[in-house]
Protein backbone atom coordinates (compact mmCIF):
# COMPACT_ATOMS: atom_id res chain seq x y z
CA MET A 1 99.76 73.66 116.76
CA THR A 2 97.98 70.45 115.33
CA ASP A 3 98.47 69.35 112.04
CA ASN A 4 94.99 70.45 111.20
CA THR A 5 95.47 73.99 112.46
CA ILE A 6 96.64 76.39 109.46
CA LEU A 7 96.69 79.91 111.88
CA LYS A 8 97.11 80.12 115.67
CA VAL A 9 96.50 83.45 116.97
CA SER A 10 97.71 83.89 120.77
CA GLY A 11 97.33 87.16 122.89
CA LEU A 12 97.00 89.40 119.90
CA ALA A 13 96.71 93.10 121.21
CA VAL A 14 96.90 96.32 118.96
CA SER A 15 97.08 99.84 120.22
CA PHE A 16 97.57 103.08 118.71
CA PRO A 17 98.86 106.40 120.24
CA SER A 18 96.24 109.13 120.13
CA ALA A 19 95.81 112.90 121.41
CA ARG A 20 93.69 111.26 124.12
CA GLY A 21 96.30 108.62 125.10
CA THR A 22 96.61 105.00 124.07
CA LEU A 23 93.79 103.42 122.11
CA ARG A 24 93.44 100.02 122.69
CA ALA A 25 91.91 98.58 119.42
CA VAL A 26 92.66 94.91 120.21
CA ARG A 27 92.99 93.57 124.12
CA GLY A 28 94.63 90.00 123.83
CA ILE A 29 92.68 87.64 121.75
CA SER A 30 93.29 84.14 120.62
CA TYR A 31 91.89 81.56 118.42
CA ASP A 32 92.74 78.79 115.94
CA LEU A 33 91.75 78.22 112.44
CA ARG A 34 91.59 75.06 111.06
CA SER A 35 92.48 73.87 107.33
CA GLY A 36 89.60 73.91 105.13
CA GLU A 37 87.52 75.80 107.82
CA THR A 38 85.56 79.28 107.74
CA LEU A 39 85.82 81.22 111.10
CA GLY A 40 83.46 84.25 111.34
CA ILE A 41 84.42 87.04 113.25
CA VAL A 42 81.16 88.91 114.41
CA GLY A 43 80.75 92.11 116.11
CA GLU A 44 79.61 95.84 115.74
CA SER A 45 81.78 98.61 114.66
CA GLY A 46 84.82 99.45 116.70
CA SER A 47 85.07 95.75 118.19
CA GLY A 48 88.57 95.37 117.05
CA LYS A 49 87.54 92.74 114.04
CA SER A 50 89.08 94.31 111.42
CA VAL A 51 92.11 95.76 113.11
CA SER A 52 93.01 92.22 114.31
CA SER A 53 93.46 90.78 110.74
CA PHE A 54 94.97 93.97 109.52
CA ALA A 55 97.75 93.36 112.11
CA LEU A 56 98.16 89.84 110.96
CA MET A 57 98.68 91.02 107.37
CA GLY A 58 101.20 93.86 108.39
CA LEU A 59 98.75 96.32 106.79
CA LEU A 60 98.41 98.72 109.99
CA LYS A 61 99.87 102.40 109.65
CA PRO A 62 103.12 103.19 110.99
CA GLY A 63 102.66 103.83 114.87
CA ALA A 64 100.52 100.98 115.79
CA ILE A 65 101.81 98.90 118.55
CA VAL A 66 101.37 95.16 118.00
CA GLU A 67 101.87 92.29 120.67
CA GLY A 68 101.19 88.54 120.71
CA SER A 69 101.81 86.08 117.75
CA GLY A 70 100.31 84.77 114.57
CA ILE A 71 101.59 81.50 113.70
CA PHE A 72 100.72 80.73 110.08
CA GLU A 73 102.04 77.10 108.75
CA GLY A 74 104.92 77.64 111.47
CA SER A 75 105.97 81.20 110.78
CA ASP A 76 105.00 84.17 112.99
CA LEU A 77 103.40 86.69 110.89
CA LEU A 78 104.02 89.26 113.50
CA THR A 79 107.90 89.02 113.81
CA MET A 80 108.63 88.12 110.16
CA SER A 81 110.57 90.55 108.08
CA ARG A 82 108.58 92.91 105.79
CA ARG A 83 110.13 91.34 102.67
CA ASP A 84 109.09 87.79 103.92
CA LEU A 85 105.67 89.00 104.71
CA GLU A 86 105.17 90.69 101.30
CA THR A 87 106.21 87.33 99.91
CA ILE A 88 103.61 85.25 101.61
CA ARG A 89 101.01 88.15 101.42
CA GLY A 90 98.95 87.48 98.04
CA ARG A 91 100.55 84.19 97.38
CA ASP A 92 99.65 82.28 100.55
CA ILE A 93 97.54 84.68 102.20
CA ALA A 94 94.96 86.87 100.38
CA MET A 95 92.79 89.44 101.77
CA ILE A 96 89.37 90.68 100.43
CA PHE A 97 88.58 94.03 101.33
CA GLN A 98 85.24 95.87 102.42
CA ASP A 99 85.53 98.69 99.73
CA PRO A 100 86.91 97.48 96.41
CA LEU A 101 87.00 101.19 94.86
CA SER A 102 89.31 102.26 97.36
CA SER A 103 91.42 98.96 97.31
CA LEU A 104 91.76 99.25 93.48
CA ASP A 105 94.10 101.77 91.84
CA PRO A 106 91.91 103.97 89.54
CA CYS A 107 94.68 104.64 87.24
CA PHE A 108 95.52 100.75 86.49
CA THR A 109 93.27 98.78 84.31
CA VAL A 110 91.84 95.36 85.77
CA SER A 111 94.35 93.62 83.43
CA ARG A 112 97.19 95.44 85.12
CA HIS A 113 96.10 94.63 88.86
CA LEU A 114 95.94 90.85 87.78
CA VAL A 115 98.80 90.63 85.67
CA GLU A 116 100.99 92.53 88.37
CA THR A 117 99.76 90.36 91.16
CA LEU A 118 100.71 87.05 89.32
CA GLN A 119 103.93 88.56 88.06
CA ALA A 120 105.11 89.66 91.55
CA HIS A 121 104.45 85.81 93.01
CA ARG A 122 105.26 83.56 90.04
CA THR A 123 107.84 83.14 87.10
CA ILE A 124 105.61 83.92 84.42
CA THR A 125 105.12 85.46 80.89
CA LYS A 126 102.96 88.58 80.50
CA GLN A 127 100.97 86.49 77.91
CA GLN A 128 100.42 83.55 80.20
CA ALA A 129 99.34 85.95 83.07
CA GLU A 130 97.12 87.75 80.82
CA LYS A 131 95.45 84.36 79.94
CA GLU A 132 95.32 82.98 83.56
CA ALA A 133 93.97 86.55 84.74
CA GLU A 134 91.24 86.22 82.16
CA ASP A 135 90.27 82.77 83.14
CA MET A 136 90.13 83.55 86.86
CA LEU A 137 87.84 86.51 85.95
CA ARG A 138 85.61 83.92 84.17
CA SER A 139 85.78 81.77 87.17
CA VAL A 140 84.23 84.52 89.52
CA GLY A 141 81.26 84.84 87.13
CA ILE A 142 82.42 87.54 84.77
CA ARG A 143 81.42 86.63 81.19
CA ASN A 144 82.78 89.42 79.28
CA ALA A 145 86.20 89.04 80.99
CA SER A 146 87.93 90.00 77.87
CA GLN A 147 86.42 93.44 77.89
CA VAL A 148 86.44 93.85 81.74
CA MET A 149 90.27 93.45 81.75
CA ARG A 150 90.68 96.54 79.55
CA GLN A 151 88.32 98.50 81.78
CA TYR A 152 89.22 100.85 84.77
CA PRO A 153 87.71 100.29 88.36
CA PHE A 154 85.82 103.31 88.26
CA GLU A 155 83.98 101.92 84.96
CA LEU A 156 82.62 98.81 86.67
CA SER A 157 79.69 98.32 89.02
CA GLY A 158 80.17 97.88 92.91
CA GLY A 159 79.41 93.91 92.11
CA MET A 160 81.72 93.74 89.47
CA ARG A 161 84.37 95.64 91.20
CA GLN A 162 84.34 93.24 94.22
CA ARG A 163 84.41 89.93 91.73
CA VAL A 164 87.38 91.55 90.55
CA MET A 165 88.91 91.57 94.20
CA ILE A 166 87.93 88.26 94.80
CA ALA A 167 89.56 87.18 91.34
CA ILE A 168 93.00 89.26 92.60
CA ALA A 169 92.68 87.53 95.89
CA LEU A 170 92.33 83.91 94.31
CA LEU A 171 94.83 84.27 91.47
CA CYS A 172 97.68 82.66 93.62
CA LYS A 173 95.48 79.91 95.10
CA PRO A 174 95.98 80.97 98.65
CA ARG A 175 95.55 78.59 101.56
CA LEU A 176 93.98 81.19 103.85
CA LEU A 177 91.74 83.80 102.72
CA ILE A 178 90.58 86.86 104.86
CA ALA A 179 87.37 88.87 103.96
CA ASP A 180 86.71 92.01 105.53
CA GLU A 181 82.99 92.71 105.32
CA PRO A 182 83.22 92.25 101.64
CA THR A 183 79.49 92.61 101.09
CA THR A 184 78.53 95.41 103.09
CA ALA A 185 78.30 98.06 100.43
CA LEU A 186 76.41 95.76 97.95
CA ASP A 187 72.63 95.35 97.35
CA VAL A 188 70.89 92.36 98.73
CA THR A 189 70.98 90.78 95.22
CA VAL A 190 74.48 91.32 94.56
CA GLN A 191 75.45 90.50 98.07
CA ASP A 192 73.97 86.87 97.48
CA GLN A 193 75.65 86.34 94.50
CA ILE A 194 79.20 87.37 96.32
CA LEU A 195 78.43 84.85 99.43
CA LYS A 196 77.31 82.18 96.81
CA LEU A 197 80.62 82.59 94.82
CA LEU A 198 82.81 82.47 97.83
CA LYS A 199 80.99 79.37 99.11
CA THR A 200 81.71 77.51 95.75
CA LEU A 201 85.27 78.57 95.55
CA ARG A 202 86.01 77.75 99.07
CA ASP A 203 84.45 74.33 98.75
CA GLN A 204 86.12 73.60 95.50
CA SER A 205 89.63 74.67 96.59
CA GLY A 206 89.86 73.74 100.41
CA THR A 207 90.81 77.23 100.97
CA SER A 208 90.60 78.18 104.91
CA MET A 209 88.69 81.59 105.31
CA VAL A 210 88.42 84.22 107.89
CA PHE A 211 85.11 86.10 107.55
CA ILE A 212 84.86 89.44 109.09
CA THR A 213 81.23 90.68 109.43
CA HIS A 214 78.38 92.27 111.81
CA ASN A 215 75.70 90.34 110.08
CA PHE A 216 74.52 86.89 111.61
CA GLY A 217 73.00 86.13 108.48
CA ILE A 218 75.96 85.75 106.48
CA VAL A 219 77.45 83.50 109.27
CA ALA A 220 74.66 81.33 109.17
CA ARG A 221 75.27 80.78 105.46
CA LEU A 222 78.97 80.50 105.46
CA CYS A 223 80.94 79.68 108.51
CA ASP A 224 81.70 76.72 110.31
CA ARG A 225 82.75 78.54 113.61
CA VAL A 226 82.00 81.95 115.12
CA ILE A 227 83.98 84.53 117.48
CA VAL A 228 81.96 87.26 119.03
CA MET A 229 83.96 90.48 119.79
CA TYR A 230 83.04 93.52 121.92
CA GLY A 231 85.51 96.34 123.03
CA GLY A 232 88.56 94.41 121.42
CA ARG A 233 87.91 91.09 123.46
CA ILE A 234 86.47 88.02 122.51
CA MET A 235 83.08 87.48 124.40
CA GLU A 236 82.04 83.99 123.03
CA ARG A 237 83.25 81.25 120.35
CA ALA A 238 81.27 78.37 119.39
CA ALA A 239 80.10 76.32 116.32
CA MET A 240 77.97 78.19 114.20
CA ARG A 241 74.80 76.11 115.24
CA GLN A 242 75.67 76.70 118.96
CA ILE A 243 75.75 80.19 118.70
CA PHE A 244 72.29 80.53 117.23
CA GLU A 245 70.74 77.53 119.39
CA SER A 246 72.19 78.14 122.83
CA PRO A 247 74.16 81.54 122.88
CA VAL A 248 75.60 82.29 126.47
CA HIS A 249 76.97 85.79 126.46
CA PRO A 250 74.51 88.61 127.23
CA TYR A 251 76.14 90.64 124.27
CA THR A 252 75.59 87.72 121.99
CA ARG A 253 72.18 87.18 122.96
CA ALA A 254 71.38 91.08 122.44
CA LEU A 255 72.87 91.06 119.04
CA LEU A 256 70.78 87.96 117.96
CA SER A 257 67.59 89.57 119.43
CA ALA A 258 68.11 92.49 117.54
CA ILE A 259 67.87 90.43 114.24
CA PRO A 260 64.59 91.03 112.65
CA ARG A 261 62.42 87.88 111.47
CA MET A 262 59.76 87.33 109.16
CA ASP A 263 57.28 86.02 111.73
CA ASP A 264 58.00 88.87 114.35
CA ASP A 265 54.98 91.09 115.23
CA LYS A 266 55.79 94.26 113.13
CA SER A 267 53.87 96.36 115.92
CA ILE A 268 56.76 95.42 118.26
CA PRO A 269 59.87 97.44 117.94
CA LEU A 270 63.07 95.24 117.50
CA PRO A 271 65.22 95.07 120.84
CA THR A 272 68.20 97.50 121.13
CA ILE A 273 71.47 97.67 123.16
CA SER A 274 71.08 100.49 125.36
CA GLY A 275 73.99 102.56 126.29
CA GLN A 276 77.29 103.87 124.33
CA PRO A 277 79.93 101.50 122.60
CA HIS A 278 83.00 100.68 124.88
CA ASP A 279 85.43 103.53 124.73
CA PRO A 280 88.84 101.97 123.26
CA HIS A 281 90.89 104.71 125.28
CA SER A 282 89.76 103.18 128.56
CA ASP A 283 92.10 101.52 130.95
CA ASP A 284 89.47 99.58 132.87
CA GLU A 285 90.25 95.83 133.01
CA GLY A 286 86.51 94.71 133.47
CA CYS A 287 84.46 93.21 131.04
CA PRO A 288 83.86 95.85 128.52
CA PHE A 289 79.95 95.13 127.97
CA ARG A 290 79.17 95.61 131.74
CA GLU A 291 77.98 99.20 131.17
CA ARG A 292 75.29 98.11 128.61
CA CYS A 293 74.67 94.47 130.41
CA PRO A 294 71.32 94.20 132.18
CA LEU A 295 72.80 91.38 134.05
CA ALA A 296 75.88 93.11 135.35
CA PHE A 297 77.00 92.62 138.92
CA GLU A 298 80.12 93.33 141.03
CA LYS A 299 82.06 90.89 139.67
CA CYS A 300 81.94 92.26 136.31
CA ALA A 301 84.70 94.74 137.21
CA VAL A 302 87.18 92.21 136.47
CA MET A 303 87.50 90.80 133.34
CA PRO A 304 86.42 86.68 133.52
CA GLU A 305 88.30 84.06 131.70
CA GLU A 306 86.56 82.12 129.26
CA VAL A 307 84.51 79.43 130.56
CA PHE A 308 83.75 76.22 128.32
CA ILE A 309 80.10 75.41 128.35
CA GLU A 310 80.87 72.64 126.05
CA LYS A 311 83.35 71.29 123.52
CA ASP A 312 84.48 74.14 120.98
CA HIS A 313 81.82 76.31 123.08
CA SER A 314 83.37 79.21 125.45
CA ALA A 315 82.31 82.35 127.07
CA ALA A 316 83.96 85.09 128.89
CA CYS A 317 81.12 86.04 131.33
CA TRP A 318 81.00 85.33 135.17
CA LEU A 319 77.65 84.11 134.58
CA ALA A 320 78.44 81.41 131.73
CA GLY A 321 77.52 77.90 132.71
CA LYS A 322 74.62 75.84 133.77
CA GLU A 323 74.72 76.88 137.46
CA ALA A 324 73.49 80.38 136.34
CA GLY A 325 70.61 78.91 134.10
CA LEU A 326 71.98 80.72 131.09
CA GLU A 327 71.81 77.44 128.92
């Protein structure tokens, strides 16, 4: 691990026992996160994006089988004791969840959520914690912070609840923030406000961020580098600009082609990806996208290694590279 790397994930695999056999949600992914960087993890539902991050945070349900390593500042998150992980979680690593209503306790006021988070990780009086909590609410754009402190989650709008979740995540000034599709349930206007808020807070604090999403528009606004996942595997990784300007993997290209553009001919339907998503119960070791890929051929029955196209840009495809004319 270099001095600039805050998180190094190696060979992360996650599976669950089920009535149909073993469900293999994540199939051996590896990536680095650099200090102060925002890494986007993109892919459709079921690609393994959220499960991989839940595994690192120790938030999977009992019965999950996790392999590999996740080295955060010299310590392996996947092998440390539950007590040590609980100490790190919330203080050094924080997470913003997709649905704040289900993530916040409906029986607790906003004040209690914030104050208990502070007191769990710092030696601080309740009065000091309440002041810091109220200040943090203001920093995430909640003007009537003192009033919101006394309210319960169900009394707040979706955008306000998400701001509260962000405030909780940032209270202890974590070095790593994992955001699991935090704007999916919000309308476009509120989504824009939350993204601006996250970008401002990241730039001010230098916090590293893993941003999980299926929205390439968010990637373009917020991320430095991008990982594209499908079927529990990494299909392509690159700098944000490289993904948009020179995508290599057929899956990445298919996702990008399905994004509506203002200058598109509205009489022509948007392209879609034919076929069904990859079955996570499958024991097939080939490329998980090959059943839906228009360029698939015999060799795709074996999963290829990632091929480097240029610095920081690689793809797991037998056709990746200049010789195949995909650049």
